[in-house]
C-alpha cells in the first residue's frame, strides 16, 4: 500500500499518576494519506486506542482498582479521571455470566433494595470460596425460573444444598435438585430456640418488674444484665469460663456460675426454659445422624408435655417437626471434607456484600452492584 505523510498533530493523553502526581502525555502522532483511495488514518500506537483520550494503561488500572473494596469515587481520585469515566469503563466490562453449579451450594439472602424486592439472593460454593451468582430477588417464582433455565445435568450434579428455614428454598430443592440433600443450616435452627429462650426470659423479667417487690426487681435486673451469660452454651464453653469472677460484686455474686444458679433456682419456669436450651445445645453438639431425629423429637415432646405454658418453645417444637428431615441432614458428615456442612461461609459473604454496598454508598444499577461483588470476590 502506498501512503504519504499528511500531517503531524499533538494529542493530549491522560495517563496514570506518577508518584501521586497527575500525568498528561503529549503524543506526537503522524497522520497518513493513502495514495489510491485518498483516505487518511492515524499512525498506530499501543499507548491509546482510537478516539480515546485516556491511555490503555489507565483503563487497565481502573479495572484493577475497581476489584478492591473501594468506591468509584476513590478509584477516580487514584487514577486521575472522573467518577463518570470510572463507572463507564466498569460497565463496559460487565459480563452477563454465571459460574456453573458445584457439588455443594449455599443459598442465603441479604438486604439490598432492588427493583424486584428488598432482598437479594446469594449463591456460593463453600469449597472454593467463590460466589457463584447474585440474584435481585428471593421470591420463589424468580428463583424457580432462574434454576429451571439451567441444564438438567448441571442441577443433577449438585449433592448438597444448604439453606436457612425459608419455605421457598425447600420447594426449589424438592422440585429442581432431585439428586441433592437439602440441609437446614445448624445456626439458623438453633437460633430459633435461643430467640424463644430470650423472649421467655423477657416475659418472666417483665412479670417480676410488675410485682414492685424489691427481691423480684433485683431478679429482673440480673436477668437483664446477664442475658448473654444465660445464653451461653455450657457444652462448648470451658469450665474456666464459668469460674471467672464477676466484675462487680454489687449483688453478692462471686462467679458466673453463681449468677446462673441464682437465676435458675429463683423461678421454676425460667429453670425449665434454661434446661430446654441447654439440652438443645447438647443435641446439636453430640448427636449423630443416626440418633439426631430421635433426640430432637424427644426434645419436642418434652416441651409439649411441659407443665408450664412455654408458648415460644412450643412454636419452635412445631417448626422442628415440620423441618425434621432437613434439620437431621445437618448432622451428615461430608465424605470429602469430613465435616458437617453449614451456611457459615455464605453468612460471611453476606457481610462482604454489605461492605461493598456501604463503601459505594449504594448502587442504583443492580448489574453494576452484582458484578462489583463478584469481581471483588475473585481470588485472581
Protein backbone atom coordinates (compact mmCIF):
# COMPACT_ATOMS: atom_id res chain seq x y z
CA UNK A 1 0.00 0.00 0.00
CA UNK A 2 1.38 3.39 -0.98
CA UNK A 3 0.95 6.12 1.63
CA UNK A 4 2.34 9.58 2.17
CA UNK A 5 2.74 11.59 5.31
CA UNK A 6 -0.15 14.02 5.52
CA UNK A 7 0.43 15.94 8.74
CA UNK A 8 1.56 15.67 12.36
CA UNK A 9 -0.54 16.73 15.31
CA UNK A 10 -0.27 16.65 19.10
CA UNK A 11 -2.70 14.63 21.21
CA UNK A 12 -3.09 15.09 24.99
CA UNK A 13 -3.46 11.72 26.72
CA UNK A 14 -4.37 11.19 30.37
CA UNK A 15 -2.03 8.66 31.95
CA UNK A 16 -1.86 7.00 35.37
CA UNK A 17 -0.44 9.29 38.09
CA UNK A 18 3.27 9.07 38.76
CA UNK A 19 4.30 9.26 42.43
CA UNK A 20 0.88 10.66 43.21
CA UNK A 21 1.08 13.48 40.69
CA UNK A 22 -1.26 13.79 37.66
CA UNK A 23 0.34 12.78 34.39
CA UNK A 24 -0.51 14.08 30.92
CA UNK A 25 1.29 12.75 27.85
CA UNK A 26 1.74 14.92 24.77
CA UNK A 27 1.68 12.40 21.93
CA UNK A 28 3.01 13.50 18.57
CA UNK A 29 1.07 11.38 16.12
CA UNK A 30 1.58 11.19 12.38
CA UNK A 31 -1.41 11.14 10.05
CA UNK A 32 -1.01 9.31 6.74
CA UNK A 33 -2.90 9.53 3.47
CA UNK A 34 -3.47 6.63 1.08
CA UNK A 35 -2.39 7.45 -2.46
CA UNK A 36 -5.07 5.18 -4.00
CA UNK A 37 -8.27 5.72 -2.00
CA UNK A 38 -7.22 9.14 -0.69
CA UNK A 39 -8.37 8.22 2.85
CA UNK A 40 -6.44 9.42 5.90
CA UNK A 41 -5.59 7.42 9.01
CA UNK A 42 -3.52 7.78 12.15
CA UNK A 43 -0.23 6.14 12.97
CA UNK A 44 -0.92 3.08 15.14
CA UNK A 45 0.14 3.17 18.79
CA UNK A 46 -0.28 0.89 21.78
CA UNK A 47 -0.50 3.83 24.15
CA UNK A 48 -4.12 4.69 23.43
CA UNK A 49 -6.96 3.38 21.30
CA UNK A 50 -8.60 5.35 18.53
CA UNK A 51 -10.93 8.15 19.59
CA UNK A 52 -9.96 7.97 23.26
CA UNK A 53 -8.06 10.46 25.41
CA UNK A 54 -7.31 8.02 28.26
CA UNK A 55 -4.32 5.72 27.92
CA UNK A 56 -4.79 1.95 27.77
CA UNK A 57 -2.69 1.58 30.92
CA UNK A 58 -5.03 3.95 32.76
CA UNK A 59 -8.04 1.86 31.69
CA UNK A 60 -6.36 -1.29 32.93
CA UNK A 61 -5.55 0.47 36.18
CA UNK A 62 -9.21 1.50 36.58
CA UNK A 63 -10.33 -2.13 36.24
CA UNK A 64 -7.63 -3.29 38.64
CA UNK A 65 -8.54 -0.66 41.24
CA UNK A 66 -12.25 -1.48 40.84
CA UNK A 67 -11.59 -5.00 42.13
CA UNK A 68 -10.64 -3.56 45.52
CA UNK A 69 -13.14 -2.76 48.25
CA UNK A 70 -13.45 0.93 47.45
CA UNK A 71 -15.95 3.25 45.80
CA UNK A 72 -15.77 4.51 42.23
CA UNK A 73 -15.02 7.96 43.67
CA UNK A 74 -11.90 6.60 45.37
CA UNK A 75 -10.83 4.93 42.11
CA UNK A 76 -11.30 8.18 40.21
CA UNK A 77 -9.02 10.02 42.63
CA UNK A 78 -6.31 7.38 42.39
CA UNK A 79 -6.38 7.25 38.58
CA UNK A 80 -6.92 10.99 37.95
CA UNK A 81 -10.09 10.58 35.90
CA UNK A 82 -13.72 11.49 36.57
CA UNK A 83 -16.06 9.26 38.53
CA UNK A 84 -18.29 9.00 35.45
CA UNK A 85 -15.36 7.71 33.42
CA UNK A 86 -14.61 5.05 36.04
CA UNK A 87 -18.28 3.99 36.11
CA UNK A 88 -18.47 3.82 32.32
CA UNK A 89 -15.27 1.79 31.99
CA UNK A 90 -16.52 -0.60 34.67
CA UNK A 91 -19.88 -1.02 32.89
CA UNK A 92 -18.13 -1.84 29.61
CA UNK A 93 -16.54 -4.87 31.26
CA UNK A 94 -19.69 -6.24 32.90
CA UNK A 95 -20.27 -9.75 31.66
CA UNK A 96 -23.69 -11.37 31.94
CA UNK A 97 -22.36 -14.71 33.06
CA UNK A 98 -22.68 -17.02 35.99
CA UNK A 99 -20.47 -19.74 37.40
CA UNK A 100 -21.56 -23.34 37.00
CA UNK A 101 -23.21 -25.02 39.96
CA UNK A 102 -20.81 -27.03 42.10
CA UNK A 103 -21.06 -30.14 44.26
CA UNK A 104 -22.14 -28.10 47.29
CA UNK A 105 -24.06 -24.84 47.05
CA UNK A 106 -25.06 -22.48 49.85
CA UNK A 107 -28.04 -20.18 49.39
CA UNK A 108 -28.93 -17.20 51.53
CA UNK A 109 -30.38 -13.71 51.22
CA UNK A 110 -29.11 -10.31 52.30
CA UNK A 111 -30.79 -6.93 52.49
CA UNK A 112 -30.32 -4.96 49.29
CA UNK A 113 -33.11 -2.84 47.88
CA UNK A 114 -33.60 -3.83 44.24
CA UNK A 115 -36.35 -3.37 41.67
CA UNK A 116 -37.53 -6.92 42.42
CA UNK A 117 -37.68 -6.56 46.22
CA UNK A 118 -35.92 -5.72 49.46
CA UNK A 119 -33.68 -8.78 49.50
CA UNK A 120 -31.09 -10.09 47.09
CA UNK A 121 -30.09 -13.76 46.86
CA UNK A 122 -26.53 -15.01 47.00
CA UNK A 123 -25.35 -18.45 45.81
CA UNK A 124 -21.89 -19.64 46.80
CA UNK A 125 -19.53 -22.61 46.79
CA UNK A 126 -18.06 -23.27 50.27
CA UNK A 127 -15.25 -25.45 48.92
CA UNK A 128 -13.71 -22.85 46.59
CA UNK A 129 -14.92 -19.80 48.50
CA UNK A 130 -16.36 -18.32 45.30
CA UNK A 131 -19.66 -16.51 44.85
CA UNK A 132 -21.45 -18.31 42.03
CA UNK A 133 -24.11 -15.70 41.38
CA UNK A 134 -26.26 -12.98 42.91
CA UNK A 135 -29.95 -12.57 42.11
CA UNK A 136 -32.06 -9.44 42.64
CA UNK A 137 -34.89 -11.35 44.33
CA UNK A 138 -35.50 -14.22 46.74
CA UNK A 139 -39.12 -14.75 45.63
CA UNK A 140 -39.93 -18.36 44.84
CA UNK A 141 -41.12 -17.75 41.28
CA UNK A 142 -37.99 -15.83 40.39
CA UNK A 143 -35.63 -18.43 41.89
CA UNK A 144 -37.57 -21.27 40.28
CA UNK A 145 -37.32 -19.66 36.84
CA UNK A 146 -33.59 -18.96 37.34
CA UNK A 147 -32.68 -22.56 38.21
CA UNK A 148 -35.12 -24.12 35.74
CA UNK A 149 -33.31 -22.45 32.83
CA UNK A 150 -30.13 -24.35 33.73
CA UNK A 151 -29.23 -27.61 32.09
CA UNK A 152 -30.70 -30.63 33.85
CA UNK A 153 -27.32 -32.38 34.08
CA UNK A 154 -25.88 -29.37 35.90
CA UNK A 155 -28.61 -29.46 38.52
CA UNK A 156 -28.25 -33.21 38.94
CA UNK A 157 -24.56 -32.69 39.77
CA UNK A 158 -25.42 -30.84 42.99
CA UNK A 159 -25.07 -33.16 46.00
CA UNK A 160 -25.84 -30.80 48.90
CA UNK A 161 -27.91 -27.62 49.14
CA UNK A 162 -27.52 -25.68 52.40
CA UNK A 163 -30.13 -23.02 53.25
CA UNK A 164 -31.99 -21.50 56.17
CA UNK A 165 -35.56 -22.45 57.07
CA UNK A 166 -37.25 -20.47 54.28
CA UNK A 167 -40.07 -22.44 52.71
CA UNK A 168 -39.27 -21.31 49.16
CA UNK A 169 -35.84 -22.94 49.35
CA UNK A 170 -37.36 -26.26 50.34
CA UNK A 171 -39.77 -26.10 47.40
CA UNK A 172 -36.93 -25.32 44.98
CA UNK A 173 -34.79 -28.20 46.26
CA UNK A 174 -37.67 -30.64 46.08
CA UNK A 175 -38.68 -29.74 42.51
CA UNK A 176 -35.36 -28.98 40.80
CA UNK A 177 -32.46 -30.62 42.67
CA UNK A 178 -33.58 -34.24 42.72
CA UNK A 179 -30.17 -35.77 43.50
CA UNK A 180 -29.30 -33.32 46.24
CA UNK A 181 -29.67 -33.49 50.02
CA UNK A 182 -31.31 -30.40 51.47
CA UNK A 183 -29.60 -29.27 54.69
CA UNK A 184 -31.13 -26.78 57.12
CA UNK A 185 -28.28 -24.65 58.41
CA UNK A 186 -27.40 -25.52 62.00
CA UNK A 187 -27.02 -21.91 63.13
CA UNK A 188 -30.50 -20.95 61.93
CA UNK A 189 -32.44 -23.78 63.56
CA UNK A 190 -30.54 -23.36 66.84
CA UNK A 191 -31.23 -19.64 66.72
CA UNK A 192 -34.97 -20.35 66.80
CA UNK A 193 -34.50 -21.83 70.27
CA UNK A 194 -32.20 -19.08 71.52
CA UNK A 195 -34.74 -16.48 70.40
CA UNK A 196 -37.53 -18.43 72.11
CA UNK A 197 -35.47 -18.55 75.31
CA UNK A 198 -34.76 -14.84 75.09
CA UNK A 199 -38.45 -13.98 74.66
CA UNK A 200 -39.32 -16.22 77.60
CA UNK A 201 -36.64 -14.50 79.70
CA UNK A 202 -38.05 -11.06 78.85
CA UNK A 203 -41.59 -12.21 79.66
CA UNK A 204 -40.51 -13.51 83.08
CA UNK A 205 -38.45 -10.39 83.68
CA UNK A 206 -41.42 -8.10 82.95
CA UNK A 207 -43.65 -10.17 85.22
CA UNK A 208 -41.26 -9.71 88.15
CA UNK A 209 -40.94 -5.98 87.47
CA UNK A 210 -44.73 -5.52 87.76
CA UNK A 211 -44.77 -7.00 91.28
CA UNK A 212 -42.80 -3.99 92.62
CA UNK A 213 -41.17 -6.32 95.15
CA UNK A 214 -37.56 -5.45 95.99
CA UNK A 215 -36.29 -9.03 95.61
CA UNK A 216 -38.19 -9.51 92.38
CA UNK A 217 -36.82 -6.25 90.97
CA UNK A 218 -33.32 -7.50 91.79
CA UNK A 219 -34.05 -10.76 89.97
CA UNK A 220 -35.34 -8.87 86.91
CA UNK A 221 -32.20 -6.74 86.92
CA UNK A 222 -29.98 -9.83 86.96
CA UNK A 223 -31.94 -11.41 84.11
CA UNK A 224 -31.47 -8.27 82.04
CA UNK A 225 -27.82 -7.64 82.88
CA UNK A 226 -26.54 -11.18 82.33
CA UNK A 227 -28.64 -12.19 79.34
CA UNK A 228 -25.57 -13.08 77.27
CA UNK A 229 -24.25 -15.31 80.04
CA UNK A 230 -27.59 -17.10 80.30
CA UNK A 231 -27.49 -17.79 76.55
CA UNK A 232 -24.00 -19.31 76.79
CA UNK A 233 -23.60 -22.90 75.62
CA UNK A 234 -22.30 -24.88 78.59
CA UNK A 235 -21.27 -27.72 76.25
CA UNK A 236 -18.95 -25.55 74.15
CA UNK A 237 -17.52 -23.32 76.89
CA UNK A 238 -14.64 -24.48 79.06
CA UNK A 239 -15.19 -24.75 82.81
CA UNK A 240 -12.85 -21.84 83.48
CA UNK A 241 -15.30 -19.53 81.68
CA UNK A 242 -18.00 -20.06 84.32
CA UNK A 243 -15.42 -19.88 87.14
CA UNK A 244 -14.48 -16.32 86.18
CA UNK A 245 -15.00 -13.66 88.79
CA UNK A 246 -17.97 -11.32 88.38
CA UNK A 247 -16.75 -7.82 87.52
CA UNK A 248 -18.77 -6.01 90.21
CA UNK A 249 -19.93 -7.65 93.42
CA UNK A 250 -22.96 -5.39 93.80
CA UNK A 251 -25.46 -8.24 94.14
CA UNK A 252 -23.25 -10.61 96.12
CA UNK A 253 -22.18 -12.95 93.28
CA UNK A 254 -18.67 -14.31 93.07
CA UNK A 255 -18.51 -16.17 89.76
CA UNK A 256 -20.57 -16.51 86.58
CA UNK A 257 -21.70 -19.92 87.80
CA UNK A 258 -23.29 -18.41 90.92
CA UNK A 259 -25.19 -15.95 88.71
CA UNK A 260 -26.62 -18.79 86.62
CA UNK A 261 -27.57 -20.81 89.70
CA UNK A 262 -29.35 -17.80 91.21
CA UNK A 263 -31.37 -17.13 88.04
CA UNK A 264 -32.30 -20.79 87.55
CA UNK A 265 -33.30 -21.51 91.16
CA UNK A 266 -35.34 -18.35 91.60
CA UNK A 267 -38.08 -19.11 89.05
CA UNK A 268 -39.15 -22.68 88.09
CA UNK A 269 -40.47 -21.60 84.67
CA UNK A 270 -37.16 -19.96 83.82
CA UNK A 271 -35.36 -23.04 85.11
CA UNK A 272 -37.24 -25.28 82.69
CA UNK A 273 -36.64 -22.90 79.79
CA UNK A 274 -32.92 -22.88 80.62
CA UNK A 275 -32.82 -26.67 80.77
CA UNK A 276 -34.53 -26.95 77.37
CA UNK A 277 -32.00 -24.53 75.87
CA UNK A 278 -29.00 -26.44 77.22
CA UNK A 279 -30.49 -29.77 76.14
CA UNK A 280 -30.76 -28.50 72.57
CA UNK A 281 -27.14 -27.33 72.70
CA UNK A 282 -26.19 -30.84 73.78
CA UNK A 283 -28.19 -32.46 70.97
CA UNK A 284 -26.65 -30.13 68.38
CA UNK A 285 -23.12 -30.83 69.60
CA UNK A 286 -23.08 -34.53 70.41
CA UNK A 287 -25.82 -36.17 68.33
CA UNK A 288 -25.00 -38.12 65.19
CA UNK A 289 -27.02 -38.54 62.02
CA UNK A 290 -28.31 -41.90 63.30
CA UNK A 291 -29.82 -40.62 66.55
CA UNK A 292 -30.45 -36.92 65.81
CA UNK A 293 -34.07 -37.45 64.71
CA UNK A 294 -34.98 -39.37 67.85
CA UNK A 295 -33.23 -36.86 70.14
CA UNK A 296 -34.88 -33.82 68.55
CA UNK A 297 -38.36 -35.36 68.53
CA UNK A 298 -37.97 -36.38 72.18
CA UNK A 299 -36.94 -32.80 72.97
CA UNK A 300 -40.07 -31.53 71.20
CA UNK A 301 -42.27 -33.96 73.13
CA UNK A 302 -40.84 -32.75 76.45
CA UNK A 303 -41.76 -29.19 75.55
CA UNK A 304 -45.30 -30.13 74.54
CA UNK A 305 -45.77 -32.07 77.81
CA UNK A 306 -44.31 -29.31 79.99
CA UNK A 307 -46.43 -28.13 82.90
CA UNK A 308 -45.52 -24.55 82.02
CA UNK A 309 -47.04 -22.70 79.09
CA UNK A 310 -43.81 -22.09 77.20
CA UNK A 311 -45.52 -20.66 74.11
CA UNK A 312 -42.34 -19.64 72.28
CA UNK A 313 -40.73 -23.04 72.81
CA UNK A 314 -43.86 -24.82 71.60
CA UNK A 315 -43.75 -22.83 68.37
CA UNK A 316 -40.15 -23.89 67.89
CA UNK A 317 -41.11 -27.53 68.50
CA UNK A 318 -43.75 -27.33 65.75
CA UNK A 319 -41.19 -25.82 63.35
CA UNK A 320 -38.66 -28.55 64.19
CA UNK A 321 -41.19 -31.26 63.46
CA UNK A 322 -42.07 -29.64 60.15
CA UNK A 323 -38.38 -29.38 59.15
CA UNK A 324 -37.15 -32.55 60.87
CA UNK A 325 -35.74 -34.13 57.70
CA UNK A 326 -33.67 -31.06 56.74
CA UNK A 327 -32.54 -30.49 60.33
CA UNK A 328 -31.37 -34.09 60.69
CA UNK A 329 -29.47 -33.72 57.41
CA UNK A 330 -27.33 -31.03 59.08
CA UNK A 331 -25.71 -33.87 61.08
CA UNK A 332 -24.39 -35.55 57.92
CA UNK A 333 -20.60 -35.75 57.70
CA UNK A 334 -19.43 -34.85 54.20
CA UNK A 335 -17.20 -37.73 52.94
CA UNK A 336 -14.86 -35.27 51.19
CA UNK A 337 -14.32 -32.60 53.85
CA UNK A 338 -15.15 -34.91 56.82
CA UNK A 339 -17.09 -32.02 58.36
CA UNK A 340 -20.71 -31.14 58.93
CA UNK A 341 -21.97 -28.70 56.32
CA UNK A 342 -23.31 -25.28 57.28
CA UNK A 343 -24.04 -21.85 55.85
CA UNK A 344 -21.22 -20.18 57.78
CA UNK A 345 -19.35 -19.49 54.56
CA UNK A 346 -22.24 -17.71 52.87
CA UNK A 347 -23.04 -15.69 56.01
CA UNK A 348 -19.54 -14.26 55.77
CA UNK A 349 -20.13 -13.41 52.10
CA UNK A 350 -23.36 -11.64 53.10
CA UNK A 351 -21.29 -9.32 55.25
CA UNK A 352 -18.86 -8.87 52.34
CA UNK A 353 -21.75 -7.79 50.09
CA UNK A 354 -22.99 -5.31 52.67
CA UNK A 355 -19.50 -3.82 53.00
CA UNK A 356 -19.29 -3.35 49.22
CA UNK A 357 -22.69 -1.66 49.24
CA UNK A 358 -21.80 0.60 52.19
CA UNK A 359 -18.41 1.65 50.78
CA UNK A 360 -20.03 2.51 47.44
CA UNK A 361 -22.84 4.44 49.21
CA UNK A 362 -25.35 2.19 47.45
CA UNK A 363 -25.79 1.26 43.79
CA UNK A 364 -28.74 2.32 41.66
CA UNK A 365 -27.84 -0.23 38.97
CA UNK A 366 -28.12 -3.80 40.26
CA UNK A 367 -25.96 -5.19 37.43
CA UNK A 368 -23.12 -2.91 38.50
CA UNK A 369 -23.61 -3.92 42.13
CA UNK A 370 -23.70 -7.62 41.22
CA UNK A 371 -20.57 -7.51 39.08
CA UNK A 372 -18.74 -5.35 41.64
CA UNK A 373 -19.31 -8.03 44.29
CA UNK A 374 -18.39 -10.97 42.05
CA UNK A 375 -15.35 -9.15 40.64
CA UNK A 376 -14.08 -8.08 44.08
CA UNK A 377 -14.56 -11.58 45.47
CA UNK A 378 -12.45 -13.27 42.79
CA UNK A 379 -9.16 -14.61 44.09
CA UNK A 380 -7.30 -13.96 40.83
